[in-house]
C-alpha atoms as a PDB file:
ATOM      1  CA  MET A   1     134.038  14.551-130.433  1.00  0.00           C
ATOM      2  CA  SER A   2     137.328  12.462-129.793  1.00  0.00           C
ATOM      3  CA  GLU A   3     136.895   9.110-128.267  1.00  0.00           C
ATOM      4  CA  SER A   4     138.706   8.043-125.434  1.00  0.00           C
ATOM      5  CA  ALA A   5     140.014   4.193-124.251  1.00  0.00           C
ATOM      6  CA  LEU A   6     140.997   2.600-121.175  1.00  0.00           C
ATOM      7  CA  ILE A   7     143.154  -0.386-121.501  1.00  0.00           C
ATOM      8  CA  VAL A   8     143.502  -2.789-117.855  1.00  0.00           C
ATOM      9  CA  GLY A   9     146.410  -5.172-117.746  1.00  0.00           C
ATOM     10  CA  VAL A  10     149.008  -3.246-119.791  1.00  0.00           C
ATOM     11  CA  GLY A  11     152.379  -4.837-120.669  1.00  0.00           C
ATOM     12  CA  PRO A  12     154.822  -4.521-123.887  1.00  0.00           C
ATOM     13  CA  GLY A  13     152.940  -6.672-126.077  1.00  0.00           C
ATOM     14  CA  LEU A  14     149.156  -6.402-127.363  1.00  0.00           C
ATOM     15  CA  SER A  15     148.403  -3.561-124.890  1.00  0.00           C
ATOM     16  CA  ALA A  16     151.019  -1.691-125.978  1.00  0.00           C
ATOM     17  CA  SER A  17     149.864  -2.100-129.655  1.00  0.00           C
ATOM     18  CA  LEU A  18     146.445  -1.196-128.636  1.00  0.00           C
ATOM     19  CA  ALA A  19     147.764   2.443-126.649  1.00  0.00           C
ATOM     20  CA  ARG A  20     149.640   3.127-129.975  1.00  0.00           C
ATOM     21  CA  LEU A  21     146.875   2.350-132.213  1.00  0.00           C
ATOM     22  CA  PHE A  22     144.205   3.963-130.342  1.00  0.00           C
ATOM     23  CA  ALA A  23     146.569   7.306-129.565  1.00  0.00           C
ATOM     24  CA  ARG A  24     147.149   7.355-133.405  1.00  0.00           C
ATOM     25  CA  GLU A  25     143.379   7.436-133.996  1.00  0.00           C
ATOM     26  CA  GLY A  26     143.037  10.573-131.734  1.00  0.00           C
ATOM     27  CA  MET A  27     141.667   9.124-128.693  1.00  0.00           C
ATOM     28  CA  ALA A  28     142.730  10.103-125.110  1.00  0.00           C
ATOM     29  CA  VAL A  29     144.058   6.642-123.442  1.00  0.00           C
ATOM     30  CA  ALA A  30     144.350   5.620-119.951  1.00  0.00           C
ATOM     31  CA  LEU A  31     146.616   2.613-118.890  1.00  0.00           C
ATOM     32  CA  ALA A  32     146.131   0.647-115.957  1.00  0.00           C
ATOM     33  CA  ALA A  33     148.581  -1.809-114.374  1.00  0.00           C
ATOM     34  CA  ARG A  34     149.985  -3.513-111.062  1.00  0.00           C
ATOM     35  CA  ASP A  35     153.174  -2.278-112.102  1.00  0.00           C
ATOM     36  CA  THR A  36     153.247   1.440-113.371  1.00  0.00           C
ATOM     37  CA  GLY A  37     156.791   1.930-113.396  1.00  0.00           C
ATOM     38  CA  LYS A  38     157.189  -0.123-116.640  1.00  0.00           C
ATOM     39  CA  LEU A  39     154.912   1.983-118.513  1.00  0.00           C
ATOM     40  CA  SER A  40     156.768   5.271-118.373  1.00  0.00           C
ATOM     41  CA  GLY A  41     157.913   5.007-121.837  1.00  0.00           C
ATOM     42  CA  LEU A  42     154.721   4.177-123.595  1.00  0.00           C
ATOM     43  CA  ALA A  43     152.683   6.884-121.672  1.00  0.00           C
ATOM     44  CA  GLY A  44     155.281   9.159-123.156  1.00  0.00           C
ATOM     45  CA  GLU A  45     154.743   7.739-126.666  1.00  0.00           C
ATOM     46  CA  THR A  46     151.383   8.159-126.612  1.00  0.00           C
ATOM     47  CA  GLY A  47     150.274  10.658-123.814  1.00  0.00           C
ATOM     48  CA  ALA A  48     148.671   8.239-121.968  1.00  0.00           C
ATOM     49  CA  ALA A  49     147.512   8.710-118.466  1.00  0.00           C
ATOM     50  CA  VAL A  50     148.796   5.959-116.099  1.00  0.00           C
ATOM     51  CA  HIS A  51     147.133   4.740-113.328  1.00  0.00           C
ATOM     52  CA  ASP A  52     147.634   1.764-110.304  1.00  0.00           C
ATOM     53  CA  CYS A  53     145.286  -1.001-110.591  1.00  0.00           C
ATOM     54  CA  ASP A  54     145.159  -4.497-109.328  1.00  0.00           C
ATOM     55  CA  ALA A  55     142.476  -5.784-111.755  1.00  0.00           C
ATOM     56  CA  ALA A  56     141.395  -8.499-109.519  1.00  0.00           C
ATOM     57  CA  ASP A  57     140.792  -6.433-106.142  1.00  0.00           C
ATOM     58  CA  ILE A  58     137.440  -4.862-105.989  1.00  0.00           C
ATOM     59  CA  ASP A  59     138.400  -1.595-103.938  1.00  0.00           C
ATOM     60  CA  SER A  60     141.366  -1.217-106.506  1.00  0.00           C
ATOM     61  CA  VAL A  61     138.881  -1.351-109.754  1.00  0.00           C
ATOM     62  CA  ALA A  62     136.770   0.883-108.041  1.00  0.00           C
ATOM     63  CA  ALA A  63     139.322   3.313-107.290  1.00  0.00           C
ATOM     64  CA  LEU A  64     140.327   3.339-110.925  1.00  0.00           C
ATOM     65  CA  PHE A  65     136.597   4.140-112.463  1.00  0.00           C
ATOM     66  CA  GLU A  66     136.383   7.054-109.800  1.00  0.00           C
ATOM     67  CA  ALA A  67     139.749   8.368-111.026  1.00  0.00           C
ATOM     68  CA  LEU A  68     138.668   8.327-114.353  1.00  0.00           C
ATOM     69  CA  ASP A  69     135.279  10.037-113.552  1.00  0.00           C
ATOM     70  CA  ARG A  70     137.446  12.563-112.274  1.00  0.00           C
ATOM     71  CA  THR A  71     139.566  13.009-115.283  1.00  0.00           C
ATOM     72  CA  MET A  72     138.324  11.177-118.618  1.00  0.00           C
ATOM     73  CA  GLY A  73     135.292  10.301-118.069  1.00  0.00           C
ATOM     74  CA  THR A  74     133.593   7.067-119.327  1.00  0.00           C
ATOM     75  CA  PRO A  75     135.501   5.564-121.762  1.00  0.00           C
ATOM     76  CA  ASP A  76     134.396   5.115-125.154  1.00  0.00           C
ATOM     77  CA  ILE A  77     136.086   1.680-125.397  1.00  0.00           C
ATOM     78  CA  VAL A  78     137.568  -0.566-122.335  1.00  0.00           C
ATOM     79  CA  VAL A  79     139.970  -3.443-123.082  1.00  0.00           C
ATOM     80  CA  TYR A  80     140.449  -6.181-120.689  1.00  0.00           C
ATOM     81  CA  ASN A  81     143.808  -7.900-120.984  1.00  0.00           C
ATOM     82  CA  PRO A  82     145.171  -9.659-117.581  1.00  0.00           C
ATOM     83  CA  SER A  83     145.370 -13.125-117.273  1.00  0.00           C
ATOM     84  CA  ALA A  84     147.247 -15.621-114.878  1.00  0.00           C
ATOM     85  CA  ARG A  85     148.628 -19.299-115.828  1.00  0.00           C
ATOM     86  CA  VAL A  86     149.694 -21.871-113.403  1.00  0.00           C
ATOM     87  CA  ARG A  87     150.613 -24.861-115.097  1.00  0.00           C
ATOM     88  CA  GLY A  88     151.142 -28.110-113.539  1.00  0.00           C
ATOM     89  CA  PRO A  89     149.294 -31.542-113.459  1.00  0.00           C
ATOM     90  CA  ILE A  90     145.876 -31.317-111.162  1.00  0.00           C
ATOM     91  CA  THR A  91     147.425 -33.125-108.277  1.00  0.00           C
ATOM     92  CA  ASP A  92     150.159 -30.826-107.528  1.00  0.00           C
ATOM     93  CA  LEU A  93     148.554 -27.578-108.165  1.00  0.00           C
ATOM     94  CA  ASP A  94     148.612 -24.940-105.201  1.00  0.00           C
ATOM     95  CA  PRO A  95     145.164 -23.907-104.584  1.00  0.00           C
ATOM     96  CA  ALA A  96     146.051 -20.565-103.329  1.00  0.00           C
ATOM     97  CA  GLU A  97     148.132 -19.782-106.697  1.00  0.00           C
ATOM     98  CA  THR A  98     145.111 -21.062-108.413  1.00  0.00           C
ATOM     99  CA  ARG A  99     142.293 -19.016-106.780  1.00  0.00           C
ATOM    100  CA  ARG A 100     144.788 -16.362-107.276  1.00  0.00           C
ATOM    101  CA  ALA A 101     145.082 -16.914-111.255  1.00  0.00           C
ATOM    102  CA  ILE A 102     141.241 -17.386-111.711  1.00  0.00           C
ATOM    103  CA  GLU A 103     140.620 -14.077-109.614  1.00  0.00           C
ATOM    104  CA  VAL A 104     142.977 -12.090-112.302  1.00  0.00           C
ATOM    105  CA  THR A 105     141.672 -13.889-115.571  1.00  0.00           C
ATOM    106  CA  CYS A 106     138.126 -13.971-114.668  1.00  0.00           C
ATOM    107  CA  PHE A 107     136.778 -12.185-111.453  1.00  0.00           C
ATOM    108  CA  GLY A 108     138.699  -9.209-112.576  1.00  0.00           C
ATOM    109  CA  ALA A 109     137.005  -9.288-116.026  1.00  0.00           C
ATOM    110  CA  PHE A 110     133.716  -8.934-114.109  1.00  0.00           C
ATOM    111  CA  LEU A 111     134.955  -6.115-111.832  1.00  0.00           C
ATOM    112  CA  VAL A 112     135.834  -4.134-114.885  1.00  0.00           C
ATOM    113  CA  ALA A 113     132.671  -5.134-116.981  1.00  0.00           C
ATOM    114  CA  ARG A 114     130.407  -4.043-113.516  1.00  0.00           C
ATOM    115  CA  GLU A 115     132.030  -0.691-113.261  1.00  0.00           C
ATOM    116  CA  SER A 116     132.141  -0.243-117.079  1.00  0.00           C
ATOM    117  CA  ALA A 117     128.626  -0.954-117.659  1.00  0.00           C
ATOM    118  CA  ARG A 118     127.055   1.017-114.878  1.00  0.00           C
ATOM    119  CA  ARG A 119     128.508   4.031-116.692  1.00  0.00           C
ATOM    120  CA  MET A 120     128.176   3.166-120.443  1.00  0.00           C
ATOM    121  CA  ILE A 121     124.324   2.432-119.651  1.00  0.00           C
ATOM    122  CA  GLY A 122     123.539   5.646-118.800  1.00  0.00           C
ATOM    123  CA  ARG A 123     125.421   6.974-121.773  1.00  0.00           C
ATOM    124  CA  GLY A 124     123.844   4.129-124.275  1.00  0.00           C
ATOM    125  CA  SER A 125     127.256   3.431-125.856  1.00  0.00           C
ATOM    126  CA  GLY A 126     130.192   2.266-125.640  1.00  0.00           C
ATOM    127  CA  SER A 127     132.611  -1.053-126.215  1.00  0.00           C
ATOM    128  CA  LEU A 128     133.865  -3.323-123.723  1.00  0.00           C
ATOM    129  CA  PHE A 129     136.552  -6.104-125.070  1.00  0.00           C
ATOM    130  CA  PHE A 130     138.061  -9.112-123.546  1.00  0.00           C
ATOM    131  CA  THR A 131     141.144 -10.820-124.676  1.00  0.00           C
ATOM    132  CA  GLY A 132     140.586 -14.536-124.688  1.00  0.00           C
ATOM    133  CA  ALA A 133     142.520 -17.729-125.630  1.00  0.00           C
ATOM    134  CA  SER A 134     142.416 -21.127-127.493  1.00  0.00           C
ATOM    135  CA  ALA A 135     142.208 -22.231-123.636  1.00  0.00           C
ATOM    136  CA  GLY A 136     138.637 -20.747-123.387  1.00  0.00           C
ATOM    137  CA  VAL A 137     137.164 -23.107-126.144  1.00  0.00           C
ATOM    138  CA  LYS A 138     139.285 -26.347-125.432  1.00  0.00           C
ATOM    139  CA  GLY A 139     141.266 -27.516-122.146  1.00  0.00           C
ATOM    140  CA  TYR A 140     144.995 -28.589-122.606  1.00  0.00           C
ATOM    141  CA  PRO A 141     146.243 -30.749-120.240  1.00  0.00           C
ATOM    142  CA  ARG A 142     148.541 -29.588-117.321  1.00  0.00           C
ATOM    143  CA  SER A 143     146.500 -26.264-118.196  1.00  0.00           C
ATOM    144  CA  SER A 144     143.172 -26.613-116.118  1.00  0.00           C
ATOM    145  CA  VAL A 145     143.726 -23.343-113.870  1.00  0.00           C
ATOM    146  CA  PHE A 146     144.374 -21.275-117.497  1.00  0.00           C
ATOM    147  CA  ALA A 147     141.369 -23.236-118.912  1.00  0.00           C
ATOM    148  CA  MET A 148     139.042 -22.428-116.021  1.00  0.00           C
ATOM    149  CA  GLY A 149     139.587 -18.856-116.056  1.00  0.00           C
ATOM    150  CA  LYS A 150     139.492 -18.242-119.613  1.00  0.00           C
ATOM    151  CA  PHE A 151     136.136 -20.289-119.912  1.00  0.00           C
ATOM    152  CA  GLY A 152     134.602 -18.333-117.094  1.00  0.00           C
ATOM    153  CA  LEU A 153     135.726 -15.001-118.955  1.00  0.00           C
ATOM    154  CA  ARG A 154     133.890 -16.453-122.070  1.00  0.00           C
ATOM    155  CA  GLY A 155     130.770 -17.608-120.639  1.00  0.00           C
ATOM    156  CA  LEU A 156     130.988 -13.662-119.102  1.00  0.00           C
ATOM    157  CA  CYS A 157     131.184 -12.504-122.224  1.00  0.00           C
ATOM    158  CA  GLN A 158     128.454 -14.221-123.856  1.00  0.00           C
ATOM    159  CA  ALA A 159     126.369 -13.359-121.332  1.00  0.00           C
ATOM    160  CA  LEU A 160     127.250  -9.685-121.335  1.00  0.00           C
ATOM    161  CA  ALA A 161     126.594  -9.661-124.972  1.00  0.00           C
ATOM    162  CA  ARG A 162     123.111 -10.773-124.799  1.00  0.00           C
ATOM    163  CA  GLU A 163     122.194  -8.751-121.616  1.00  0.00           C
ATOM    164  CA  LEU A 164     123.965  -5.133-122.645  1.00  0.00           C
ATOM    165  CA  HIS A 165     123.652  -5.387-126.728  1.00  0.00           C
ATOM    166  CA  PRO A 166     120.222  -4.194-126.573  1.00  0.00           C
ATOM    167  CA  GLN A 167     121.086  -1.256-124.404  1.00  0.00           C
ATOM    168  CA  GLY A 168     123.949   0.026-126.833  1.00  0.00           C
ATOM    169  CA  ILE A 169     126.966  -1.795-125.111  1.00  0.00           C
ATOM    170  CA  HIS A 170     129.167  -3.624-127.614  1.00  0.00           C
ATOM    171  CA  ILE A 171     130.948  -6.811-126.163  1.00  0.00           C
ATOM    172  CA  GLY A 172     133.956  -8.486-127.749  1.00  0.00           C
ATOM    173  CA  HIS A 173     135.546 -11.409-126.804  1.00  0.00           C
ATOM    174  CA  PHE A 174     138.828 -12.283-128.995  1.00  0.00           C
ATOM    175  CA  VAL A 175     140.153 -15.657-129.310  1.00  0.00           C
ATOM    176  CA  ILE A 176     143.532 -15.782-129.458  1.00  0.00           C
ATOM    177  CA  ASP A 177     144.466 -18.943-130.831  1.00  0.00           C
ATOM    178  CA  GLY A 178     148.654 -19.065-131.195  1.00  0.00           C
ATOM    179  CA  GLY A 179     151.615 -16.952-129.723  1.00  0.00           C
ATOM    180  CA  ILE A 180     151.757 -13.421-129.981  1.00  0.00           C
ATOM    181  CA  ARG A 181     154.957 -11.947-131.206  1.00  0.00           C
ATOM    182  CA  ALA A 182     157.087 -10.241-128.750  1.00  0.00           C
ATOM    183  CA  GLU A 183     160.017  -9.146-129.132  1.00  0.00           C
ATOM    184  CA  HIS A 184     161.026  -9.118-125.381  1.00  0.00           C
ATOM    185  CA  ARG A 185     160.432 -12.763-125.108  1.00  0.00           C
ATOM    186  CA  PRO A 186     163.487 -14.559-127.164  1.00  0.00           C
ATOM    187  CA  GLU A 187     161.287 -17.786-127.738  1.00  0.00           C
ATOM    188  CA  ARG A 188     158.622 -15.097-129.521  1.00  0.00           C
ATOM    189  CA  HIS A 189     160.799 -13.195-131.688  1.00  0.00           C
ATOM    190  CA  ASP A 190     159.486 -12.766-135.023  1.00  0.00           C
ATOM    191  CA  THR A 191     161.238 -15.076-137.479  1.00  0.00           C
ATOM    192  CA  GLY A 192     159.700 -13.603-140.700  1.00  0.00           C
ATOM    193  CA  ASP A 193     157.312 -16.292-141.534  1.00  0.00           C
ATOM    194  CA  ASP A 194     154.545 -14.749-139.678  1.00  0.00           C
ATOM    195  CA  ARG A 195     153.990 -17.876-137.787  1.00  0.00           C
ATOM    196  CA  MET A 196     153.242 -15.606-134.645  1.00  0.00           C
ATOM    197  CA  LEU A 197     150.286 -13.287-134.049  1.00  0.00           C
ATOM    198  CA  ASP A 198     151.656  -9.738-135.213  1.00  0.00           C
ATOM    199  CA  PRO A 199     150.304  -7.435-132.027  1.00  0.00           C
ATOM    200  CA  ASP A 200     149.662  -4.601-133.990  1.00  0.00           C
ATOM    201  CA  ALA A 201     147.433  -6.529-136.367  1.00  0.00           C
ATOM    202  CA  ILE A 202     145.501  -7.577-133.426  1.00  0.00           C
ATOM    203  CA  ALA A 203     145.135  -4.070-132.260  1.00  0.00           C
ATOM    204  CA  GLU A 204     143.944  -3.259-135.839  1.00  0.00           C
ATOM    205  CA  THR A 205     140.935  -6.169-135.345  1.00  0.00           C
ATOM    206  CA  TYR A 206     139.876  -4.759-132.089  1.00  0.00           C
ATOM    207  CA  LEU A 207     139.592  -1.012-133.759  1.00  0.00           C
ATOM    208  CA  HIS A 208     137.741  -2.505-136.401  1.00  0.00           C
ATOM    209  CA  VAL A 209     135.405  -4.319-134.339  1.00  0.00           C
ATOM    210  CA  HIS A 210     134.703  -1.033-132.288  1.00  0.00           C
ATOM    211  CA  ARG A 211     133.945   0.617-135.435  1.00  0.00           C
ATOM    212  CA  GLN A 212     131.540  -2.022-136.427  1.00  0.00           C
ATOM    213  CA  HIS A 213     127.730  -0.889-137.229  1.00  0.00           C
ATOM    214  CA  ARG A 214     125.103  -2.015-134.384  1.00  0.00           C
ATOM    215  CA  SER A 215     123.288  -3.691-137.120  1.00  0.00           C
ATOM    216  CA  SER A 216     126.160  -6.280-137.512  1.00  0.00           C
ATOM    217  CA  TRP A 217     127.626  -6.682-134.195  1.00  0.00           C
ATOM    218  CA  ALA A 218     130.117  -9.380-133.760  1.00  0.00           C
ATOM    219  CA  TRP A 219     130.587 -10.522-129.804  1.00  0.00           C
ATOM    220  CA  GLU A 220     133.523 -13.166-130.705  1.00  0.00           C
ATOM    221  CA  ILE A 221     136.386 -13.047-133.054  1.00  0.00           C
ATOM    222  CA  GLU A 222     138.633 -15.774-133.428  1.00  0.00           C
ATOM    223  CA  LEU A 223     142.489 -15.156-134.487  1.00  0.00           C
ATOM    224  CA  ARG A 224     145.064 -17.318-135.444  1.00  0.00           C
ATOM    225  CA  PRO A 225     147.988 -17.270-137.781  1.00  0.00           C
ATOM    226  CA  TRP A 226     148.085 -18.794-141.247  1.00  0.00           C
ATOM    227  CA  LEU A 227     150.165 -22.015-140.030  1.00  0.00           C
ATOM    228  CA  GLU A 228     147.891 -22.575-136.854  1.00  0.00           C
ATOM    229  CA  THR A 229     146.458 -25.753-136.674  1.00  0.00           C
ATOM    230  CA  PHE A 230     142.672 -25.646-136.111  1.00  0.00           C
END
């Protein structure tokens, strides 16, 4: 039986690489984003269904999974990619922007995890993956908001792994420690020396973790380019 995948927070980088890889593997793919207009090309390329979703909104996430219940059914793999950055010294940060960023980065992950788990537990299988960052392991100056969101995300994943692994649900938290190559961003173009993380290579790692045997499940993987400092 063919598998299915849901990717939440889709853009032209890692999410697009995941969608292409999953489609090549024969999976039915669903893409969810607040701005679905940007996904027409990727959807046409992968045959993916496209859904409007504000990942930080309770009703919007619930509606997304209800729509999948009527079409795709419970996905075999769900990937949560959204995050939001608000930079600056603590004295200058806007509280409303800070709350919104944490809601996108962390609370939205909880909402997607809740809806996914409610469905996957009944089936006794599924992978639920979250894209983290080095900010979830160490806080950086002028980046307290991103650290709060990513630390919260990592804590959620660690707790879910202990709760859901015994119920057959594979939790994966991927610490992306470095910049991801992005041809649509001039500062992240490929320079030919592999200083940036290759999104296609990251996607391959997600697929490998999804395919791990349950006797040796990893709950967290850290990925960095070969020149990245520890």
